[in-house]
Amino acid sequence: FKFCLQYTRKAEFRKLCDNLRMHLGQIQRHHNQSTAINLNNPESQSMHLETRLVQLDSAISMELWQ
């Protein structure tokens, strides 16, 4: 996110957000596999929330809150 903010790269920021959304969807779809990430783990939730808050702050700074 820092790169996108520093160089005002709105298209790349949107692609990055789409990638994060797609990866989360894949994690949710494949939750029953033995190697799946446990989204109920407090550490996973904390990391996900921190990432989303940084993403939101970056979007607000770039005026992309639509």
C-alpha atoms as a PDB file:
ATOM      1  CA  PHE A   1       0.000   0.000   0.000  1.00  0.00           C
ATOM      2  CA  LYS A   2       2.889   2.355   0.712  1.00  0.00           C
ATOM      3  CA  PHE A   3       4.097   2.199  -2.891  1.00  0.00           C
ATOM      4  CA  CYS A   4       0.634   3.058  -4.203  1.00  0.00           C
ATOM      5  CA  LEU A   5       0.350   5.972  -1.788  1.00  0.00           C
ATOM      6  CA  GLN A   6       3.827   7.315  -2.460  1.00  0.00           C
ATOM      7  CA  TYR A   7       3.436   7.309  -6.241  1.00  0.00           C
ATOM      8  CA  THR A   8      -0.362   7.835  -6.394  1.00  0.00           C
ATOM      9  CA  ARG A   9      -0.920   4.562  -8.250  1.00  0.00           C
ATOM     10  CA  LYS A  10      -4.704   4.210  -8.127  1.00  0.00           C
ATOM     11  CA  ALA A  11      -4.999   1.443 -10.726  1.00  0.00           C
ATOM     12  CA  GLU A  12      -2.390  -0.689  -8.958  1.00  0.00           C
ATOM     13  CA  PHE A  13      -4.100  -0.036  -5.629  1.00  0.00           C
ATOM     14  CA  ARG A  14      -7.388  -1.333  -7.026  1.00  0.00           C
ATOM     15  CA  LYS A  15      -5.649  -4.431  -8.427  1.00  0.00           C
ATOM     16  CA  LEU A  16      -4.000  -5.065  -5.075  1.00  0.00           C
ATOM     17  CA  CYS A  17      -7.362  -4.784  -3.311  1.00  0.00           C
ATOM     18  CA  ASP A  18      -8.923  -7.154  -5.851  1.00  0.00           C
ATOM     19  CA  ASN A  19      -6.109  -9.661  -5.250  1.00  0.00           C
ATOM     20  CA  LEU A  20      -6.628  -9.513  -1.494  1.00  0.00           C
ATOM     21  CA  ARG A  21     -10.380  -9.998  -1.950  1.00  0.00           C
ATOM     22  CA  MET A  22      -9.802 -12.941  -4.306  1.00  0.00           C
ATOM     23  CA  HIS A  23      -7.325 -14.601  -1.920  1.00  0.00           C
ATOM     24  CA  LEU A  24      -9.728 -14.268   1.000  1.00  0.00           C
ATOM     25  CA  GLY A  25     -12.460 -15.854  -1.117  1.00  0.00           C
ATOM     26  CA  GLN A  26     -10.170 -18.766  -1.976  1.00  0.00           C
ATOM     27  CA  ILE A  27      -9.345 -19.257   1.698  1.00  0.00           C
ATOM     28  CA  GLN A  28     -13.051 -19.346   2.542  1.00  0.00           C
ATOM     29  CA  ARG A  29     -13.866 -21.775  -0.293  1.00  0.00           C
ATOM     30  CA  HIS A  30     -11.114 -24.232   0.650  1.00  0.00           C
ATOM     31  CA  HIS A  31     -11.553 -24.108   4.424  1.00  0.00           C
ATOM     32  CA  ASN A  32     -12.087 -27.886   4.729  1.00  0.00           C
ATOM     33  CA  GLN A  33      -8.632 -28.859   3.436  1.00  0.00           C
ATOM     34  CA  SER A  34      -5.990 -30.021   5.877  1.00  0.00           C
ATOM     35  CA  THR A  35      -3.607 -27.209   4.859  1.00  0.00           C
ATOM     36  CA  ALA A  36      -6.249 -24.466   5.022  1.00  0.00           C
ATOM     37  CA  ILE A  37      -5.779 -21.267   6.985  1.00  0.00           C
ATOM     38  CA  ASN A  38      -7.945 -21.109  10.099  1.00  0.00           C
ATOM     39  CA  LEU A  39      -9.758 -17.765   9.938  1.00  0.00           C
ATOM     40  CA  ASN A  40     -11.126 -18.309  13.466  1.00  0.00           C
ATOM     41  CA  ASN A  41      -7.619 -18.143  14.902  1.00  0.00           C
ATOM     42  CA  PRO A  42      -7.221 -14.854  16.846  1.00  0.00           C
ATOM     43  CA  GLU A  43      -3.818 -14.232  15.261  1.00  0.00           C
ATOM     44  CA  SER A  44      -5.267 -14.663  11.745  1.00  0.00           C
ATOM     45  CA  GLN A  45      -8.151 -12.350  12.571  1.00  0.00           C
ATOM     46  CA  SER A  46      -5.784  -9.752  13.996  1.00  0.00           C
ATOM     47  CA  MET A  47      -3.547  -9.804  10.914  1.00  0.00           C
ATOM     48  CA  HIS A  48      -6.542  -9.644   8.569  1.00  0.00           C
ATOM     49  CA  LEU A  49      -8.087  -6.731  10.465  1.00  0.00           C
ATOM     50  CA  GLU A  50      -4.778  -4.845  10.518  1.00  0.00           C
ATOM     51  CA  THR A  51      -4.371  -5.333   6.757  1.00  0.00           C
ATOM     52  CA  ARG A  52      -7.919  -4.147   6.086  1.00  0.00           C
ATOM     53  CA  LEU A  53      -7.500  -1.052   8.252  1.00  0.00           C
ATOM     54  CA  VAL A  54      -4.284  -0.093   6.442  1.00  0.00           C
ATOM     55  CA  GLN A  55      -6.120  -0.680   3.164  1.00  0.00           C
ATOM     56  CA  LEU A  56      -8.974   1.575   4.306  1.00  0.00           C
ATOM     57  CA  ASP A  57      -6.603   4.326   5.453  1.00  0.00           C
ATOM     58  CA  SER A  58      -4.790   4.151   2.125  1.00  0.00           C
ATOM     59  CA  ALA A  59      -8.045   4.300   0.168  1.00  0.00           C
ATOM     60  CA  ILE A  60      -9.166   7.341   2.139  1.00  0.00           C
ATOM     61  CA  SER A  61      -5.826   9.066   1.522  1.00  0.00           C
ATOM     62  CA  MET A  62      -6.149   8.407  -2.209  1.00  0.00           C
ATOM     63  CA  GLU A  63      -9.840   9.400  -2.190  1.00  0.00           C
ATOM     64  CA  LEU A  64     -10.954   5.937  -3.364  1.00  0.00           C
ATOM     65  CA  TRP A  65     -13.675   5.264  -0.803  1.00  0.00           C
ATOM     66  CA  GLN A  66     -16.428   4.403  -3.315  1.00  0.00           C
END
